[in-house]
């Protein structure tokens, strides 16, 4: 059974004439080509191929792109190739072009500390490296800062101030702790609030983070997550609304959250 693959091919060609690029496009027209320029200045071509396997897709794409490039006088030296499924291409295209960034002020707000303390933390050896150094200061990836927060023991052994949690919030914290150590998904039920029945959700590990999936109408779950985040017991990453019916939240227990969960 065949499926659609998109194959990106980079050629050792620079400053190609417009007429050559137009002819290259015409020769590959049946493959719905996208002809452009790679970040390093090389000519790039992306085409669609229907084959049963990834290897077949790469073979077909390399053969056709190289042949078309040679025919129009651009040569056929390939310096790079990437193959993706249609689903993976759609996922990448949906991602923001520029990731969420954080400077010292944003780090201070994320970690709940002063700006001076945030600057000190940013110099620690276990803090994520800056992705840029501007005149205003270093810039970091926000997701990496959240990862640091999740493993940072800010209290250094000092007692944690009591945290008042509802029954649902306590249960959710415990389910998150369990999911972090169990191999499979944890199916959870939270104590009802208001007119809701017991709120059901699933918590599992996904790409190194905890992922909670629940019915979007279950306000008990969403409010419990917000409370745990306000108390800095969890750090929350991406939130997805699937067809308006299901909510998916990626999150991590912070060091404080782990300690509070272990005390209950």
Protein backbone atom coordinates (compact mmCIF):
# COMPACT_ATOMS: atom_id res chain seq x y z
CA UNK A 1 0.00 0.00 0.00
CA UNK A 2 1.50 3.31 -1.06
CA UNK A 3 1.42 6.62 0.78
CA UNK A 4 2.35 10.20 0.02
CA UNK A 5 5.85 11.34 0.93
CA UNK A 6 7.39 14.76 0.55
CA UNK A 7 11.11 14.72 -0.28
CA UNK A 8 13.39 17.75 0.10
CA UNK A 9 16.52 17.70 -2.07
CA UNK A 10 19.33 20.24 -1.82
CA UNK A 11 21.64 20.69 -4.80
CA UNK A 12 25.14 22.20 -4.98
CA UNK A 13 23.82 25.02 -7.17
CA UNK A 14 23.86 28.77 -6.45
CA UNK A 15 22.74 31.85 -8.34
CA UNK A 16 20.78 29.85 -10.93
CA UNK A 17 19.19 31.86 -13.72
CA UNK A 18 15.42 32.37 -13.48
CA UNK A 19 14.96 30.70 -16.86
CA UNK A 20 16.69 27.53 -15.61
CA UNK A 21 14.57 27.45 -12.46
CA UNK A 22 11.39 27.84 -14.50
CA UNK A 23 12.44 24.98 -16.77
CA UNK A 24 13.31 22.82 -13.74
CA UNK A 25 9.87 23.52 -12.32
CA UNK A 26 8.20 22.53 -15.60
CA UNK A 27 10.12 19.24 -15.81
CA UNK A 28 8.95 18.32 -12.30
CA UNK A 29 5.43 19.76 -12.61
CA UNK A 30 3.71 16.39 -12.07
CA UNK A 31 5.39 16.15 -8.65
CA UNK A 32 3.95 19.49 -7.39
CA UNK A 33 7.44 20.94 -6.89
CA UNK A 34 8.48 23.80 -4.66
CA UNK A 35 11.76 25.28 -5.86
CA UNK A 36 13.58 27.67 -3.56
CA UNK A 37 16.82 28.56 -1.82
CA UNK A 38 18.23 26.76 1.22
CA UNK A 39 19.52 28.85 4.19
CA UNK A 40 23.11 28.32 2.92
CA UNK A 41 22.25 29.64 -0.54
CA UNK A 42 21.98 26.31 -2.35
CA UNK A 43 19.10 25.48 -4.66
CA UNK A 44 16.41 23.38 -2.96
CA UNK A 45 13.58 21.32 -4.44
CA UNK A 46 10.68 19.68 -2.61
CA UNK A 47 8.48 17.19 -4.48
CA UNK A 48 5.70 14.72 -3.66
CA UNK A 49 6.12 10.98 -4.28
CA UNK A 50 3.67 8.09 -3.77
CA UNK A 51 5.48 4.87 -2.87
CA UNK A 52 5.14 1.93 -0.51
CA UNK A 53 8.35 2.60 1.45
CA UNK A 54 10.53 5.50 2.49
CA UNK A 55 13.54 4.05 0.66
CA UNK A 56 11.57 3.87 -2.60
CA UNK A 57 10.42 7.48 -2.15
CA UNK A 58 14.00 8.72 -1.70
CA UNK A 59 15.24 6.72 -4.69
CA UNK A 60 12.50 8.10 -6.96
CA UNK A 61 12.97 11.68 -5.77
CA UNK A 62 16.76 11.68 -6.12
CA UNK A 63 16.57 10.14 -9.58
CA UNK A 64 13.97 12.58 -10.92
CA UNK A 65 15.39 15.75 -9.32
CA UNK A 66 18.95 14.97 -10.39
CA UNK A 67 17.84 14.12 -13.94
CA UNK A 68 15.76 17.31 -14.28
CA UNK A 69 18.56 19.47 -12.85
CA UNK A 70 21.10 17.97 -15.24
CA UNK A 71 18.77 18.41 -18.20
CA UNK A 72 18.43 22.16 -17.64
CA UNK A 73 22.18 22.61 -17.15
CA UNK A 74 22.30 22.96 -13.36
CA UNK A 75 24.28 19.79 -12.68
CA UNK A 76 23.20 16.91 -10.49
CA UNK A 77 25.30 17.09 -7.33
CA UNK A 78 23.06 16.41 -4.32
CA UNK A 79 24.32 17.64 -0.94
CA UNK A 80 21.28 16.89 1.22
CA UNK A 81 17.97 15.07 1.31
CA UNK A 82 15.09 14.86 3.82
CA UNK A 83 11.95 12.72 3.66
CA UNK A 84 8.73 13.37 5.60
CA UNK A 85 5.24 11.94 5.69
CA UNK A 86 2.41 14.30 4.83
CA UNK A 87 1.29 14.29 8.48
CA UNK A 88 4.74 15.27 9.76
CA UNK A 89 5.03 18.07 7.19
CA UNK A 90 1.65 19.46 8.31
CA UNK A 91 2.76 19.29 11.94
CA UNK A 92 5.97 21.20 11.23
CA UNK A 93 4.18 23.82 9.16
CA UNK A 94 1.79 24.41 12.06
CA UNK A 95 4.65 25.16 14.47
CA UNK A 96 5.59 28.81 15.07
CA UNK A 97 8.52 29.90 12.93
CA UNK A 98 10.21 31.55 15.93
CA UNK A 99 10.12 29.60 19.22
CA UNK A 100 9.04 31.30 22.44
CA UNK A 101 11.97 33.25 23.85
CA UNK A 102 12.77 34.56 27.32
CA UNK A 103 15.14 37.19 28.62
CA UNK A 104 16.16 37.76 32.24
CA UNK A 105 12.93 39.61 33.06
CA UNK A 106 10.79 36.82 31.62
CA UNK A 107 12.86 34.21 33.49
CA UNK A 108 12.31 36.11 36.74
CA UNK A 109 8.55 36.06 36.14
CA UNK A 110 8.54 32.36 35.14
CA UNK A 111 10.53 31.28 38.21
CA UNK A 112 8.90 33.68 40.65
CA UNK A 113 12.15 35.38 41.65
CA UNK A 114 13.65 38.85 41.35
CA UNK A 115 15.53 39.96 38.25
CA UNK A 116 18.89 39.86 40.05
CA UNK A 117 18.26 36.29 41.22
CA UNK A 118 17.20 35.30 37.70
CA UNK A 119 20.47 36.69 36.31
CA UNK A 120 22.40 34.63 38.88
CA UNK A 121 20.49 31.46 37.95
CA UNK A 122 21.17 32.05 34.25
CA UNK A 123 24.90 31.80 34.98
CA UNK A 124 24.64 28.36 36.61
CA UNK A 125 26.31 25.48 34.78
CA UNK A 126 23.06 23.48 34.74
CA UNK A 127 21.00 26.36 33.31
CA UNK A 128 20.16 26.10 29.58
CA UNK A 129 22.60 27.95 27.30
CA UNK A 130 21.57 31.27 25.80
CA UNK A 131 20.63 31.14 22.12
CA UNK A 132 21.67 34.77 21.55
CA UNK A 133 23.50 37.58 23.30
CA UNK A 134 21.90 41.00 22.71
CA UNK A 135 22.82 44.42 24.10
CA UNK A 136 19.84 44.03 26.45
CA UNK A 137 21.22 40.70 27.72
CA UNK A 138 21.09 36.96 26.98
CA UNK A 139 18.08 35.32 25.36
CA UNK A 140 16.94 31.75 26.13
CA UNK A 141 14.38 29.26 24.83
CA UNK A 142 11.37 29.43 27.12
CA UNK A 143 10.71 25.67 26.96
CA UNK A 144 14.25 24.97 28.17
CA UNK A 145 13.76 27.41 31.05
CA UNK A 146 10.60 25.50 32.01
CA UNK A 147 12.61 22.30 31.94
CA UNK A 148 15.12 23.87 34.33
CA UNK A 149 12.30 24.93 36.65
CA UNK A 150 10.97 21.37 36.72
CA UNK A 151 14.28 20.00 38.06
CA UNK A 152 15.38 23.00 40.12
CA UNK A 153 15.31 22.52 43.89
CA UNK A 154 14.73 26.14 44.83
CA UNK A 155 14.25 25.40 48.52
CA UNK A 156 17.59 23.63 49.09
CA UNK A 157 16.14 21.52 51.87
CA UNK A 158 14.11 24.24 53.60
CA UNK A 159 10.56 23.30 54.63
CA UNK A 160 7.85 24.03 52.07
CA UNK A 161 5.10 26.35 53.17
CA UNK A 162 1.75 24.55 53.43
CA UNK A 163 -0.20 24.53 50.17
CA UNK A 164 -3.98 24.42 50.38
CA UNK A 165 -5.40 22.19 47.67
CA UNK A 166 -8.89 20.91 46.99
CA UNK A 167 -9.60 17.18 46.85
CA UNK A 168 -9.46 17.26 43.02
CA UNK A 169 -6.16 19.17 43.02
CA UNK A 170 -4.60 16.71 45.49
CA UNK A 171 -5.75 13.76 43.38
CA UNK A 172 -4.40 15.32 40.18
CA UNK A 173 -1.02 15.96 41.80
CA UNK A 174 -0.84 12.32 42.88
CA UNK A 175 -1.80 11.04 39.43
CA UNK A 176 0.92 13.20 37.86
CA UNK A 177 3.47 11.79 40.30
CA UNK A 178 2.40 8.23 39.49
CA UNK A 179 2.43 8.79 35.73
CA UNK A 180 6.02 9.97 35.91
CA UNK A 181 7.16 6.59 37.22
CA UNK A 182 4.80 4.13 35.50
CA UNK A 183 5.41 2.63 32.08
CA UNK A 184 1.88 3.00 30.73
CA UNK A 185 -0.84 5.65 30.90
CA UNK A 186 -2.61 6.38 34.18
CA UNK A 187 -6.40 6.63 33.96
CA UNK A 188 -7.55 9.10 36.59
CA UNK A 189 -10.77 10.32 38.19
CA UNK A 190 -10.94 13.58 40.10
CA UNK A 191 -13.40 14.52 42.82
CA UNK A 192 -16.42 16.32 41.37
CA UNK A 193 -16.91 20.05 41.79
CA UNK A 194 -20.16 21.89 41.16
CA UNK A 195 -22.58 20.03 38.90
CA UNK A 196 -19.92 17.86 37.25
CA UNK A 197 -19.70 14.13 37.66
CA UNK A 198 -16.29 12.73 38.59
CA UNK A 199 -13.88 14.12 36.01
CA UNK A 200 -11.98 11.51 34.03
CA UNK A 201 -8.63 12.05 32.35
CA UNK A 202 -5.59 10.12 31.16
CA UNK A 203 -2.02 11.02 32.12
CA UNK A 204 1.02 9.52 30.43
CA UNK A 205 4.63 10.22 29.56
CA UNK A 206 5.05 11.73 26.07
CA UNK A 207 8.48 12.65 24.70
CA UNK A 208 9.87 13.08 28.20
CA UNK A 209 6.99 15.20 29.52
CA UNK A 210 3.73 14.42 31.26
CA UNK A 211 0.67 14.70 29.03
CA UNK A 212 -2.88 15.06 30.37
CA UNK A 213 -5.81 14.36 28.03
CA UNK A 214 -9.38 15.12 29.05
CA UNK A 215 -12.80 16.25 27.84
CA UNK A 216 -12.73 20.02 27.23
CA UNK A 217 -16.00 20.43 29.11
CA UNK A 218 -14.47 19.19 32.38
CA UNK A 219 -13.78 22.44 34.19
CA UNK A 220 -12.62 20.58 37.29
CA UNK A 221 -9.54 19.34 35.42
CA UNK A 222 -8.62 22.65 33.78
CA UNK A 223 -9.12 24.60 37.03
CA UNK A 224 -7.05 22.06 38.97
CA UNK A 225 -4.18 22.42 36.49
CA UNK A 226 -4.36 26.21 36.77
CA UNK A 227 -4.23 26.03 40.58
CA UNK A 228 -1.23 23.67 40.55
CA UNK A 229 0.50 26.03 38.14
CA UNK A 230 -0.23 29.10 40.30
CA UNK A 231 1.23 27.27 43.29
CA UNK A 232 4.28 26.39 41.16
CA UNK A 233 3.69 22.69 41.62
CA UNK A 234 3.67 22.12 37.85
CA UNK A 235 5.05 23.90 34.82
CA UNK A 236 2.72 23.92 31.81
CA UNK A 237 3.87 23.74 28.20
CA UNK A 238 1.77 23.32 25.06
CA UNK A 239 -2.02 23.24 25.32
CA UNK A 240 -3.99 21.81 22.38
CA UNK A 241 -7.71 21.88 21.71
CA UNK A 242 -8.65 18.96 19.47
CA UNK A 243 -11.82 19.60 17.47
CA UNK A 244 -13.21 21.54 20.43
CA UNK A 245 -13.92 18.31 22.31
CA UNK A 246 -10.62 17.16 23.82
CA UNK A 247 -7.89 19.13 25.57
CA UNK A 248 -4.26 17.98 25.62
CA UNK A 249 -1.84 19.61 28.06
CA UNK A 250 1.91 18.96 28.31
CA UNK A 251 3.34 19.64 31.76
CA UNK A 252 6.01 18.72 34.30
CA UNK A 253 6.06 18.38 38.05
CA UNK A 254 8.39 20.98 39.53
CA UNK A 255 10.74 20.03 42.36
CA UNK A 256 8.25 21.68 44.71
CA UNK A 257 5.42 19.67 43.17
CA UNK A 258 7.32 16.43 43.64
CA UNK A 259 7.99 17.22 47.27
CA UNK A 260 4.39 18.25 47.98
CA UNK A 261 3.08 15.10 46.26
CA UNK A 262 5.44 12.92 48.29
CA UNK A 263 4.18 14.50 51.52
CA UNK A 264 0.55 13.53 50.87
